[in-house]
Amino acid sequence: PHIEGPWSDPTYINSSGFDPSLFHDDDGRK
């Protein structure tokens, strides 16, 4: 919720490659 944390436990996403990123579109989709 804040940059200082608390930071959550991780959610596993995939293993198909590296250098992931997340984009938040202006329609609310990620």
Full PDB file with SEQRES, HELIX, SHEET, SSBOND, CRYST1, ORIGX, SCALE, CONECT and MASTER records, all heavy atoms in Angstrom:
SEQRES   1 A   30  PRO HIS ILE GLU GLY PRO TRP SER ASP PRO THR TYR ILE          
SEQRES   2 A   30  ASN SER SER GLY PHE ASP PRO SER LEU PHE HIS ASP ASP          
SEQRES   3 A   30  ASP GLY ARG LYS                                              
CRYST1    1.000    1.000    1.000  90.00  90.00  90.00 P 1           1          
ORIGX1      1.000000  0.000000  0.000000        0.00000                         
ORIGX2      0.000000  1.000000  0.000000        0.00000                         
ORIGX3      0.000000  0.000000  1.000000        0.00000                         
SCALE1      1.000000  0.000000  0.000000        0.00000                         
SCALE2      0.000000  1.000000  0.000000        0.00000                         
SCALE3      0.000000  0.000000  1.000000        0.00000                         
ATOM      1  N   PRO A   1       0.815  -1.215   0.000  1.00  0.00           N  
ATOM      2  CA  PRO A   1       0.000   0.000   0.000  1.00  0.00           C  
ATOM      3  C   PRO A   1       0.846   1.261   0.000  1.00  0.00           C  
ATOM      4  O   PRO A   1       0.400   2.318  -0.457  1.00  0.00           O  
ATOM      5  CB  PRO A   1      -0.820  -0.124   1.284  1.00  0.00           C  
ATOM      6  CG  PRO A   1       0.005  -1.002   2.171  1.00  0.00           C  
ATOM      7  CD  PRO A   1       0.702  -1.964   1.260  1.00  0.00           C  
ATOM      8  N   HIS A   2       2.043   1.152   0.539  1.00  0.00           N  
ATOM      9  CA  HIS A   2       2.994   2.265   0.589  1.00  0.00           C  
ATOM     10  C   HIS A   2       4.364   1.746   0.165  1.00  0.00           C  
ATOM     11  O   HIS A   2       4.655   0.560   0.316  1.00  0.00           O  
ATOM     12  CB  HIS A   2       3.069   2.869   1.996  1.00  0.00           C  
ATOM     13  CG  HIS A   2       1.730   3.183   2.589  1.00  0.00           C  
ATOM     14  ND1 HIS A   2       0.970   4.273   2.199  1.00  0.00           N  
ATOM     15  CD2 HIS A   2       0.999   2.535   3.535  1.00  0.00           C  
ATOM     16  CE1 HIS A   2      -0.165   4.285   2.878  1.00  0.00           C  
ATOM     17  NE2 HIS A   2      -0.172   3.239   3.696  1.00  0.00           N  
ATOM     18  N   ILE A   3       5.214   2.626  -0.325  1.00  0.00           N  
ATOM     19  CA  ILE A   3       6.512   2.180  -0.820  1.00  0.00           C  
ATOM     20  C   ILE A   3       7.331   1.527   0.287  1.00  0.00           C  
ATOM     21  O   ILE A   3       8.097   0.587   0.055  1.00  0.00           O  
ATOM     22  CB  ILE A   3       7.295   3.349  -1.470  1.00  0.00           C  
ATOM     23  CG1 ILE A   3       8.515   2.830  -2.234  1.00  0.00           C  
ATOM     24  CG2 ILE A   3       7.672   4.396  -0.428  1.00  0.00           C  
ATOM     25  CD1 ILE A   3       8.185   2.024  -3.476  1.00  0.00           C  
ATOM     26  N   GLU A   4       7.157   2.004   1.528  1.00  0.00           N  
ATOM     27  CA  GLU A   4       7.900   1.417   2.631  1.00  0.00           C  
ATOM     28  C   GLU A   4       7.352   0.056   3.041  1.00  0.00           C  
ATOM     29  O   GLU A   4       7.954  -0.641   3.851  1.00  0.00           O  
ATOM     30  CB  GLU A   4       7.874   2.351   3.844  1.00  0.00           C  
ATOM     31  CG  GLU A   4       8.581   3.694   3.653  1.00  0.00           C  
ATOM     32  CD  GLU A   4       7.681   4.734   2.985  1.00  0.00           C  
ATOM     33  OE1 GLU A   4       6.504   4.398   2.688  1.00  0.00           O  
ATOM     34  OE2 GLU A   4       8.153   5.862   2.764  1.00  0.00           O  
ATOM     35  N   GLY A   5       6.179  -0.318   2.514  1.00  0.00           N  
ATOM     36  CA  GLY A   5       5.572  -1.591   2.846  1.00  0.00           C  
ATOM     37  C   GLY A   5       4.345  -1.425   3.717  1.00  0.00           C  
ATOM     38  O   GLY A   5       3.837  -0.314   3.886  1.00  0.00           O  
ATOM     39  N   PRO A   6       3.843  -2.547   4.254  1.00  0.00           N  
ATOM     40  CA  PRO A   6       4.431  -3.885   4.143  1.00  0.00           C  
ATOM     41  C   PRO A   6       4.247  -4.478   2.750  1.00  0.00           C  
ATOM     42  O   PRO A   6       3.185  -4.316   2.128  1.00  0.00           O  
ATOM     43  CB  PRO A   6       3.644  -4.684   5.188  1.00  0.00           C  
ATOM     44  CG  PRO A   6       2.318  -3.983   5.275  1.00  0.00           C  
ATOM     45  CD  PRO A   6       2.617  -2.520   5.069  1.00  0.00           C  
ATOM     46  N   TRP A   7       5.287  -5.177   2.277  1.00  0.00           N  
ATOM     47  CA  TRP A   7       5.242  -5.839   0.985  1.00  0.00           C  
ATOM     48  C   TRP A   7       4.723  -7.259   1.160  1.00  0.00           C  
ATOM     49  O   TRP A   7       5.103  -7.972   2.074  1.00  0.00           O  
ATOM     50  CB  TRP A   7       6.621  -5.827   0.336  1.00  0.00           C  
ATOM     51  CG  TRP A   7       6.974  -4.462  -0.181  1.00  0.00           C  
ATOM     52  CD1 TRP A   7       7.577  -3.456   0.520  1.00  0.00           C  
ATOM     53  CD2 TRP A   7       6.704  -3.953  -1.480  1.00  0.00           C  
ATOM     54  NE1 TRP A   7       7.700  -2.345  -0.266  1.00  0.00           N  
ATOM     55  CE2 TRP A   7       7.178  -2.617  -1.508  1.00  0.00           C  
ATOM     56  CE3 TRP A   7       6.117  -4.480  -2.630  1.00  0.00           C  
ATOM     57  CZ2 TRP A   7       7.077  -1.813  -2.646  1.00  0.00           C  
ATOM     58  CZ3 TRP A   7       6.017  -3.682  -3.761  1.00  0.00           C  
ATOM     59  CH2 TRP A   7       6.495  -2.367  -3.764  1.00  0.00           C  
ATOM     60  N   SER A   8       3.847  -7.655   0.273  1.00  0.00           N  
ATOM     61  CA  SER A   8       3.150  -8.932   0.379  1.00  0.00           C  
ATOM     62  C   SER A   8       4.082 -10.106   0.101  1.00  0.00           C  
ATOM     63  O   SER A   8       5.196  -9.941  -0.410  1.00  0.00           O  
ATOM     64  CB  SER A   8       2.000  -8.972  -0.625  1.00  0.00           C  
ATOM     65  OG  SER A   8       2.505  -9.024  -1.963  1.00  0.00           O  
ATOM     66  N   ASP A   9       3.596 -11.299   0.422  1.00  0.00           N  
ATOM     67  CA  ASP A   9       4.225 -12.501  -0.091  1.00  0.00           C  
ATOM     68  C   ASP A   9       4.011 -12.545  -1.599  1.00  0.00           C  
ATOM     69  O   ASP A   9       3.048 -11.971  -2.128  1.00  0.00           O  
ATOM     70  CB  ASP A   9       3.631 -13.746   0.569  1.00  0.00           C  
ATOM     71  CG  ASP A   9       4.200 -13.982   1.958  1.00  0.00           C  
ATOM     72  OD1 ASP A   9       5.213 -13.342   2.314  1.00  0.00           O  
ATOM     73  OD2 ASP A   9       3.626 -14.797   2.701  1.00  0.00           O  
ATOM     74  N   PRO A  10       4.872 -13.230  -2.325  1.00  0.00           N  
ATOM     75  CA  PRO A  10       4.793 -13.190  -3.783  1.00  0.00           C  
ATOM     76  C   PRO A  10       3.659 -14.024  -4.356  1.00  0.00           C  
ATOM     77  O   PRO A  10       3.282 -15.060  -3.802  1.00  0.00           O  
ATOM     78  CB  PRO A  10       6.155 -13.746  -4.223  1.00  0.00           C  
ATOM     79  CG  PRO A  10       6.613 -14.577  -3.073  1.00  0.00           C  
ATOM     80  CD  PRO A  10       6.079 -13.929  -1.845  1.00  0.00           C  
ATOM     81  N   THR A  11       3.144 -13.555  -5.475  1.00  0.00           N  
ATOM     82  CA  THR A  11       2.233 -14.323  -6.321  1.00  0.00           C  
ATOM     83  C   THR A  11       3.026 -14.831  -7.520  1.00  0.00           C  
ATOM     84  O   THR A  11       3.615 -14.039  -8.263  1.00  0.00           O  
ATOM     85  CB  THR A  11       1.065 -13.453  -6.812  1.00  0.00           C  
ATOM     86  OG1 THR A  11       0.300 -13.003  -5.698  1.00  0.00           O  
ATOM     87  CG2 THR A  11       0.170 -14.235  -7.765  1.00  0.00           C  
ATOM     88  N   TYR A  12       3.054 -16.152  -7.675  1.00  0.00           N  
ATOM     89  CA  TYR A  12       3.772 -16.720  -8.817  1.00  0.00           C  
ATOM     90  C   TYR A  12       2.998 -16.455 -10.098  1.00  0.00           C  
ATOM     91  O   TYR A  12       1.770 -16.602 -10.148  1.00  0.00           O  
ATOM     92  CB  TYR A  12       3.963 -18.228  -8.629  1.00  0.00           C  
ATOM     93  CG  TYR A  12       4.472 -18.920  -9.877  1.00  0.00           C  
ATOM     94  CD1 TYR A  12       5.807 -18.786 -10.271  1.00  0.00           C  
ATOM     95  CD2 TYR A  12       3.615 -19.660 -10.679  1.00  0.00           C  
ATOM     96  CE1 TYR A  12       6.274 -19.396 -11.417  1.00  0.00           C  
ATOM     97  CE2 TYR A  12       4.069 -20.274 -11.831  1.00  0.00           C  
ATOM     98  CZ  TYR A  12       5.403 -20.145 -12.205  1.00  0.00           C  
ATOM     99  OH  TYR A  12       5.866 -20.743 -13.346  1.00  0.00           O  
ATOM    100  N   ILE A  13       3.724 -16.056 -11.174  1.00  0.00           N  
ATOM    101  CA  ILE A  13       3.068 -15.710 -12.426  1.00  0.00           C  
ATOM    102  C   ILE A  13       3.379 -16.719 -13.536  1.00  0.00           C  
ATOM    103  O   ILE A  13       2.491 -17.372 -14.055  1.00  0.00           O  
ATOM    104  CB  ILE A  13       3.467 -14.291 -12.887  1.00  0.00           C  
ATOM    105  CG1 ILE A  13       3.153 -13.269 -11.779  1.00  0.00           C  
ATOM    106  CG2 ILE A  13       2.731 -13.936 -14.175  1.00  0.00           C  
ATOM    107  CD1 ILE A  13       1.685 -13.201 -11.389  1.00  0.00           C  
ATOM    108  N   ASN A  14       4.629 -16.847 -13.916  1.00  0.00           N  
ATOM    109  CA  ASN A  14       5.001 -17.792 -14.967  1.00  0.00           C  
ATOM    110  C   ASN A  14       6.511 -18.030 -14.956  1.00  0.00           C  
ATOM    111  O   ASN A  14       7.227 -17.439 -14.136  1.00  0.00           O  
ATOM    112  CB  ASN A  14       4.531 -17.321 -16.358  1.00  0.00           C  
ATOM    113  CG  ASN A  14       5.261 -16.067 -16.833  1.00  0.00           C  
ATOM    114  OD1 ASN A  14       6.287 -15.660 -16.299  1.00  0.00           O  
ATOM    115  ND2 ASN A  14       4.709 -15.440 -17.865  1.00  0.00           N  
ATOM    116  N   SER A  15       6.966 -18.880 -15.870  1.00  0.00           N  
ATOM    117  CA  SER A  15       8.403 -19.178 -15.969  1.00  0.00           C  
ATOM    118  C   SER A  15       8.846 -19.255 -17.421  1.00  0.00           C  
ATOM    119  O   SER A  15       9.852 -19.896 -17.729  1.00  0.00           O  
ATOM    120  CB  SER A  15       8.716 -20.511 -15.265  1.00  0.00           C  
ATOM    121  OG  SER A  15       8.364 -20.481 -13.899  1.00  0.00           O  
ATOM    122  N   SER A  16       8.137 -18.602 -18.320  1.00  0.00           N  
ATOM    123  CA  SER A  16       8.404 -18.726 -19.755  1.00  0.00           C  
ATOM    124  C   SER A  16       9.557 -17.859 -20.235  1.00  0.00           C  
ATOM    125  O   SER A  16       9.991 -17.986 -21.387  1.00  0.00           O  
ATOM    126  CB  SER A  16       7.139 -18.391 -20.552  1.00  0.00           C  
ATOM    127  OG  SER A  16       6.694 -17.074 -20.268  1.00  0.00           O  
ATOM    128  N   GLY A  17      10.036 -16.980 -19.395  1.00  0.00           N  
ATOM    129  CA  GLY A  17      11.137 -16.097 -19.752  1.00  0.00           C  
ATOM    130  C   GLY A  17      11.379 -15.132 -18.617  1.00  0.00           C  
ATOM    131  O   GLY A  17      10.692 -15.167 -17.599  1.00  0.00           O  
ATOM    132  N   PHE A  18      12.336 -14.247 -18.780  1.00  0.00           N  
ATOM    133  CA  PHE A  18      12.712 -13.350 -17.690  1.00  0.00           C  
ATOM    134  C   PHE A  18      12.400 -11.896 -18.053  1.00  0.00           C  
ATOM    135  O   PHE A  18      11.744 -11.610 -19.037  1.00  0.00           O  
ATOM    136  CB  PHE A  18      14.187 -13.538 -17.329  1.00  0.00           C  
ATOM    137  CG  PHE A  18      15.128 -13.530 -18.508  1.00  0.00           C  
ATOM    138  CD1 PHE A  18      15.632 -12.343 -18.998  1.00  0.00           C  
ATOM    139  CD2 PHE A  18      15.510 -14.721 -19.114  1.00  0.00           C  
ATOM    140  CE1 PHE A  18      16.505 -12.321 -20.079  1.00  0.00           C  
ATOM    141  CE2 PHE A  18      16.383 -14.716 -20.203  1.00  0.00           C  
ATOM    142  CZ  PHE A  18      16.880 -13.520 -20.692  1.00  0.00           C  
ATOM    143  N   ASP A  19      12.857 -10.981 -17.212  1.00  0.00           N  
ATOM    144  CA  ASP A  19      12.631  -9.539 -17.389  1.00  0.00           C  
ATOM    145  C   ASP A  19      11.143  -9.197 -17.484  1.00  0.00           C  
ATOM    146  O   ASP A  19      10.685  -8.586 -18.459  1.00  0.00           O  
ATOM    147  CB  ASP A  19      13.346  -9.019 -18.635  1.00  0.00           C  
ATOM    148  CG  ASP A  19      14.852  -8.972 -18.478  1.00  0.00           C  
ATOM    149  OD1 ASP A  19      15.345  -9.472 -17.446  1.00  0.00           O  
ATOM    150  OD2 ASP A  19      15.535  -8.455 -19.383  1.00  0.00           O  
ATOM    151  N   PRO A  20      10.350  -9.535 -16.489  1.00  0.00           N  
ATOM    152  CA  PRO A  20       8.913  -9.253 -16.551  1.00  0.00           C  
ATOM    153  C   PRO A  20       8.606  -7.795 -16.231  1.00  0.00           C  
ATOM    154  O   PRO A  20       9.391  -7.098 -15.585  1.00  0.00           O  
ATOM    155  CB  PRO A  20       8.342 -10.165 -15.475  1.00  0.00           C  
ATOM    156  CG  PRO A  20       9.432 -10.219 -14.441  1.00  0.00           C  
ATOM    157  CD  PRO A  20      10.728 -10.205 -15.229  1.00  0.00           C  
ATOM    158  N   SER A  21       7.449  -7.354 -16.701  1.00  0.00           N  
ATOM    159  CA  SER A  21       6.949  -6.036 -16.306  1.00  0.00           C  
ATOM    160  C   SER A  21       5.429  -6.093 -16.285  1.00  0.00           C  
ATOM    161  O   SER A  21       4.806  -7.010 -16.826  1.00  0.00           O  
ATOM    162  CB  SER A  21       7.436  -4.939 -17.260  1.00  0.00           C  
ATOM    163  OG  SER A  21       6.907  -5.118 -18.554  1.00  0.00           O  
ATOM    164  N   LEU A  22       4.825  -5.088 -15.648  1.00  0.00           N  
ATOM    165  CA  LEU A  22       3.372  -5.011 -15.510  1.00  0.00           C  
ATOM    166  C   LEU A  22       2.916  -3.634 -15.983  1.00  0.00           C  
ATOM    167  O   LEU A  22       3.457  -2.614 -15.555  1.00  0.00           O  
ATOM    168  CB  LEU A  22       2.965  -5.236 -14.062  1.00  0.00           C  
ATOM    169  CG  LEU A  22       1.465  -5.400 -13.781  1.00  0.00           C  
ATOM    170  CD1 LEU A  22       0.926  -6.665 -14.440  1.00  0.00           C  
ATOM    171  CD2 LEU A  22       1.206  -5.431 -12.278  1.00  0.00           C  
ATOM    172  N   PHE A  23       1.917  -3.619 -16.870  1.00  0.00           N  
ATOM    173  CA  PHE A  23       1.385  -2.380 -17.412  1.00  0.00           C  
ATOM    174  C   PHE A  23      -0.074  -2.225 -16.987  1.00  0.00           C  
ATOM    175  O   PHE A  23      -0.879  -3.138 -17.160  1.00  0.00           O  
ATOM    176  CB  PHE A  23       1.484  -2.371 -18.938  1.00  0.00           C  
ATOM    177  CG  PHE A  23       0.776  -1.220 -19.594  1.00  0.00           C  
ATOM    178  CD1 PHE A  23       1.244   0.079 -19.428  1.00  0.00           C  
ATOM    179  CD2 PHE A  23      -0.356  -1.424 -20.375  1.00  0.00           C  
ATOM    180  CE1 PHE A  23       0.589   1.153 -20.025  1.00  0.00           C  
ATOM    181  CE2 PHE A  23      -1.013  -0.367 -20.978  1.00  0.00           C  
ATOM    182  CZ  PHE A  23      -0.537   0.930 -20.798  1.00  0.00           C  
ATOM    183  N   HIS A  24      -0.404  -1.053 -16.435  1.00  0.00           N  
ATOM    184  CA  HIS A  24      -1.762  -0.745 -15.999  1.00  0.00           C  
ATOM    185  C   HIS A  24      -2.400   0.156 -17.058  1.00  0.00           C  
ATOM    186  O   HIS A  24      -2.069   1.343 -17.164  1.00  0.00           O  
ATOM    187  CB  HIS A  24      -1.740  -0.034 -14.643  1.00  0.00           C  
ATOM    188  CG  HIS A  24      -0.875  -0.715 -13.621  1.00  0.00           C  
ATOM    189  ND1 HIS A  24      -1.283  -1.816 -12.907  1.00  0.00           N  
ATOM    190  CD2 HIS A  24       0.405  -0.457 -13.217  1.00  0.00           C  
ATOM    191  CE1 HIS A  24      -0.305  -2.200 -12.092  1.00  0.00           C  
ATOM    192  NE2 HIS A  24       0.713  -1.387 -12.268  1.00  0.00           N  
ATOM    193  N   ASP A  25      -3.309  -0.402 -17.832  1.00  0.00           N  
ATOM    194  CA  ASP A  25      -3.931   0.376 -18.901  1.00  0.00           C  
ATOM    195  C   ASP A  25      -4.986   1.321 -18.306  1.00  0.00           C  
ATOM    196  O   ASP A  25      -5.475   1.124 -17.182  1.00  0.00           O  
ATOM    197  CB  ASP A  25      -4.567  -0.556 -19.930  1.00  0.00           C  
ATOM    198  CG  ASP A  25      -4.603   0.072 -21.320  1.00  0.00           C  
ATOM    199  OD1 ASP A  25      -4.484   1.306 -21.415  1.00  0.00           O  
ATOM    200  OD2 ASP A  25      -4.745  -0.682 -22.303  1.00  0.00           O  
ATOM    201  N   ASP A  26      -5.357   2.346 -19.087  1.00  0.00           N  
ATOM    202  CA  ASP A  26      -6.298   3.340 -18.558  1.00  0.00           C  
ATOM    203  C   ASP A  26      -7.736   2.841 -18.528  1.00  0.00           C  
ATOM    204  O   ASP A  26      -8.618   3.528 -18.018  1.00  0.00           O  
ATOM    205  CB  ASP A  26      -6.195   4.653 -19.345  1.00  0.00           C  
ATOM    206  CG  ASP A  26      -6.246   4.458 -20.846  1.00  0.00           C  
ATOM    207  OD1 ASP A  26      -6.742   3.394 -21.295  1.00  0.00           O  
ATOM    208  OD2 ASP A  26      -5.796   5.357 -21.578  1.00  0.00           O  
ATOM    209  N   ASP A  27      -7.988   1.638 -19.053  1.00  0.00           N  
ATOM    210  CA  ASP A  27      -9.312   1.041 -18.925  1.00  0.00           C  
ATOM    211  C   ASP A  27      -9.418   0.109 -17.723  1.00  0.00           C  
ATOM    212  O   ASP A  27     -10.430  -0.575 -17.544  1.00  0.00           O  
ATOM    213  CB  ASP A  27      -9.686   0.286 -20.204  1.00  0.00           C  
ATOM    214  CG  ASP A  27      -8.746  -0.887 -20.500  1.00  0.00           C  
ATOM    215  OD1 ASP A  27      -7.803  -1.121 -19.706  1.00  0.00           O  
ATOM    216  OD2 ASP A  27      -8.949  -1.555 -21.537  1.00  0.00           O  
ATOM    217  N   GLY A  28      -8.352   0.077 -16.892  1.00  0.00           N  
ATOM    218  CA  GLY A  28      -8.350  -0.736 -15.683  1.00  0.00           C  
ATOM    219  C   GLY A  28      -7.766  -2.123 -15.850  1.00  0.00           C  
ATOM    220  O   GLY A  28      -7.524  -2.816 -14.846  1.00  0.00           O  
ATOM    221  N   ARG A  29      -7.507  -2.544 -17.077  1.00  0.00           N  
ATOM    222  CA  ARG A  29      -6.931  -3.869 -17.289  1.00  0.00           C  
ATOM    223  C   ARG A  29      -5.422  -3.832 -17.042  1.00  0.00           C  
ATOM    224  O   ARG A  29      -4.780  -2.784 -17.212  1.00  0.00           O  
ATOM    225  CB  ARG A  29      -7.231  -4.363 -18.705  1.00  0.00           C  
ATOM    226  CG  ARG A  29      -8.719  -4.489 -18.987  1.00  0.00           C  
ATOM    227  CD  ARG A  29      -8.991  -4.781 -20.452  1.00  0.00           C  
ATOM    228  NE  ARG A  29      -8.738  -6.185 -20.788  1.00  0.00           N  
ATOM    229  CZ  ARG A  29      -8.903  -6.693 -22.021  1.00  0.00           C  
ATOM    230  NH1 ARG A  29      -9.299  -5.893 -23.014  1.00  0.00           N  
ATOM    231  NH2 ARG A  29      -8.669  -7.967 -22.260  1.00  0.00           N  
ATOM    232  N   LYS A  30      -4.887  -4.968 -16.646  1.00  0.00           N  
ATOM    233  CA  LYS A  30      -3.458  -5.088 -16.365  1.00  0.00           C  
ATOM    234  C   LYS A  30      -2.851  -6.129 -17.296  1.00  0.00           C  
ATOM    235  O   LYS A  30      -3.439  -7.191 -17.539  1.00  0.00           O  
ATOM    236  CB  LYS A  30      -3.221  -5.465 -14.903  1.00  0.00           C  
ATOM    237  CG  LYS A  30      -3.787  -4.436 -13.913  1.00  0.00           C  
ATOM    238  CD  LYS A  30      -3.475  -4.812 -12.479  1.00  0.00           C  
ATOM    239  CE  LYS A  30      -4.177  -3.861 -11.502  1.00  0.00           C  
ATOM    240  NZ  LYS A  30      -3.771  -2.459 -11.668  1.00  0.00           N  
TER     241      LYS A  30                                                      
MASTER        0    0    0    0    0    0    0    6  240    1    0    3          
END                                                                             
